[in-house]
Amino acid sequence: MGEIAEMMLNGFYCEQCGCLIDGEETGYPRLCEDCAEEERPHKRKRNRKKAKRK
């Protein structure tokens, strides 16, 4: 296995895009902030109408 692939599996680089995450090896593959944000489902913002008070 290549050195970069090994570093991705150890969590040094993002497993999806290959960027440096934080310089620490965690021992498991992980995603950078940008890739993790793309993976999360976006919450819908609800437009709640305020009741008019008289």
N, C-alpha and C. Protein backbone atom coordinates (compact mmCIF):
# COMPACT_ATOMS: atom_id res chain seq x y z
N MET A 1 0.86 -1.17 0.00
CA MET A 1 0.00 0.00 0.00
C MET A 1 0.90 1.23 0.00
N GLY A 2 0.43 2.29 -0.64
CA GLY A 2 1.20 3.52 -0.70
C GLY A 2 1.19 4.28 0.61
N GLU A 3 2.14 5.17 0.73
CA GLU A 3 2.28 5.94 1.95
C GLU A 3 1.07 6.86 2.18
N ILE A 4 0.58 7.49 1.13
CA ILE A 4 -0.57 8.40 1.27
C ILE A 4 -1.83 7.62 1.63
N ALA A 5 -2.03 6.46 1.01
CA ALA A 5 -3.20 5.64 1.33
C ALA A 5 -3.15 5.19 2.79
N GLU A 6 -1.99 4.85 3.27
CA GLU A 6 -1.82 4.45 4.67
C GLU A 6 -2.16 5.62 5.60
N MET A 7 -1.73 6.81 5.22
CA MET A 7 -2.01 7.99 6.05
C MET A 7 -3.51 8.34 6.04
N MET A 8 -4.20 8.06 4.93
CA MET A 8 -5.66 8.27 4.90
C MET A 8 -6.35 7.28 5.82
N LEU A 9 -5.90 6.05 5.83
CA LEU A 9 -6.51 5.04 6.70
C LEU A 9 -6.24 5.32 8.17
N ASN A 10 -5.14 6.00 8.46
CA ASN A 10 -4.81 6.34 9.85
C ASN A 10 -5.43 7.66 10.30
N GLY A 11 -6.11 8.38 9.40
CA GLY A 11 -6.80 9.61 9.77
C GLY A 11 -5.96 10.86 9.69
N PHE A 12 -4.76 10.77 9.12
CA PHE A 12 -3.90 11.94 8.97
C PHE A 12 -4.43 12.85 7.86
N TYR A 13 -4.89 12.23 6.76
CA TYR A 13 -5.50 12.94 5.63
C TYR A 13 -6.97 12.57 5.54
N CYS A 14 -7.78 13.48 4.97
CA CYS A 14 -9.20 13.22 4.75
C CYS A 14 -9.36 12.03 3.81
N GLU A 15 -10.27 11.12 4.14
CA GLU A 15 -10.45 9.92 3.32
C GLU A 15 -11.14 10.21 1.99
N GLN A 16 -11.79 11.36 1.85
CA GLN A 16 -12.50 11.67 0.62
C GLN A 16 -11.69 12.56 -0.32
N CYS A 17 -11.14 13.65 0.18
CA CYS A 17 -10.44 14.59 -0.71
C CYS A 17 -8.92 14.56 -0.56
N GLY A 18 -8.43 14.00 0.54
CA GLY A 18 -6.98 13.86 0.72
C GLY A 18 -6.29 15.05 1.34
N CYS A 19 -7.03 16.02 1.86
CA CYS A 19 -6.38 17.18 2.48
C CYS A 19 -5.92 16.84 3.90
N LEU A 20 -4.96 17.59 4.39
CA LEU A 20 -4.45 17.43 5.75
C LEU A 20 -5.52 17.90 6.72
N ILE A 21 -5.84 17.08 7.72
CA ILE A 21 -6.91 17.46 8.64
C ILE A 21 -6.38 18.33 9.77
N ASP A 22 -5.63 17.77 10.69
CA ASP A 22 -5.10 18.56 11.80
C ASP A 22 -3.70 18.12 12.22
N GLY A 23 -3.12 17.20 11.49
CA GLY A 23 -1.76 16.76 11.79
C GLY A 23 -1.67 15.64 12.81
N GLU A 24 -2.80 15.13 13.26
CA GLU A 24 -2.80 14.02 14.22
C GLU A 24 -3.35 12.76 13.56
N GLU A 25 -2.73 11.63 13.86
CA GLU A 25 -3.24 10.35 13.37
C GLU A 25 -4.12 9.74 14.44
N THR A 26 -5.37 9.48 14.09
CA THR A 26 -6.33 8.95 15.06
C THR A 26 -6.38 7.42 15.05
N GLY A 27 -5.91 6.82 13.94
CA GLY A 27 -5.96 5.37 13.84
C GLY A 27 -7.16 4.87 13.05
N TYR A 28 -8.01 5.78 12.59
CA TYR A 28 -9.17 5.40 11.78
C TYR A 28 -9.41 6.48 10.73
N PRO A 29 -10.00 6.12 9.58
CA PRO A 29 -10.27 7.11 8.53
C PRO A 29 -11.30 8.12 9.00
N ARG A 30 -11.14 9.36 8.56
CA ARG A 30 -12.09 10.41 8.93
C ARG A 30 -12.16 11.45 7.82
N LEU A 31 -13.13 12.36 7.93
CA LEU A 31 -13.38 13.40 6.93
C LEU A 31 -12.95 14.76 7.46
N CYS A 32 -12.52 15.64 6.54
CA CYS A 32 -12.24 17.02 6.92
C CYS A 32 -13.58 17.74 7.14
N GLU A 33 -13.53 18.96 7.62
CA GLU A 33 -14.77 19.70 7.91
C GLU A 33 -15.62 19.91 6.67
N ASP A 34 -15.00 20.24 5.54
CA ASP A 34 -15.76 20.49 4.32
C ASP A 34 -16.47 19.24 3.82
N CYS A 35 -15.76 18.11 3.80
CA CYS A 35 -16.37 16.86 3.33
C CYS A 35 -17.45 16.38 4.30
N ALA A 36 -17.22 16.56 5.59
CA ALA A 36 -18.21 16.16 6.59
C ALA A 36 -19.48 16.99 6.46
N GLU A 37 -19.32 18.28 6.14
CA GLU A 37 -20.49 19.15 5.97
C GLU A 37 -21.32 18.73 4.76
N GLU A 38 -20.65 18.29 3.69
CA GLU A 38 -21.37 17.82 2.52
C GLU A 38 -22.12 16.53 2.79
N GLU A 39 -21.63 15.72 3.70
CA GLU A 39 -22.27 14.44 4.03
C GLU A 39 -23.52 14.62 4.88
N ARG A 40 -23.55 15.67 5.71
CA ARG A 40 -24.69 15.88 6.59
C ARG A 40 -25.90 16.35 5.82
N PRO A 41 -27.07 15.83 6.14
CA PRO A 41 -28.29 16.35 5.50
C PRO A 41 -28.58 17.75 6.03
N HIS A 42 -28.98 18.63 5.16
CA HIS A 42 -29.28 20.00 5.57
C HIS A 42 -30.68 20.08 6.16
N LYS A 43 -30.78 20.81 7.25
CA LYS A 43 -32.09 21.00 7.88
C LYS A 43 -32.84 22.09 7.15
N ARG A 44 -34.11 21.87 6.97
CA ARG A 44 -34.95 22.88 6.33
C ARG A 44 -35.32 23.95 7.33
N LYS A 45 -35.24 25.17 6.90
CA LYS A 45 -35.68 26.26 7.75
C LYS A 45 -37.16 26.46 7.53
N ARG A 46 -37.89 26.51 8.61
CA ARG A 46 -39.35 26.68 8.52
C ARG A 46 -39.67 28.15 8.65
N ASN A 47 -40.56 28.59 7.83
CA ASN A 47 -41.04 29.96 7.93
C ASN A 47 -42.27 29.96 8.82
N ARG A 48 -42.07 30.35 10.03
CA ARG A 48 -43.19 30.40 10.96
C ARG A 48 -43.74 31.80 10.98
N LYS A 49 -45.02 31.91 10.75
CA LYS A 49 -45.67 33.21 10.76
C LYS A 49 -46.07 33.54 12.20
N LYS A 50 -45.77 34.76 12.57
CA LYS A 50 -46.15 35.21 13.91
C LYS A 50 -47.60 35.61 13.92
N ALA A 51 -48.28 35.24 14.97
CA ALA A 51 -49.69 35.61 15.11
C ALA A 51 -49.79 37.10 15.41
N LYS A 52 -50.70 37.75 14.73
CA LYS A 52 -50.89 39.18 14.96
C LYS A 52 -51.70 39.37 16.22
N ARG A 53 -51.18 40.24 17.05
CA ARG A 53 -51.89 40.55 18.31
C ARG A 53 -52.60 41.87 18.16
N LYS A 54 -53.79 41.94 18.73
CA LYS A 54 -54.59 43.15 18.67
C LYS A 54 -54.69 43.80 20.01
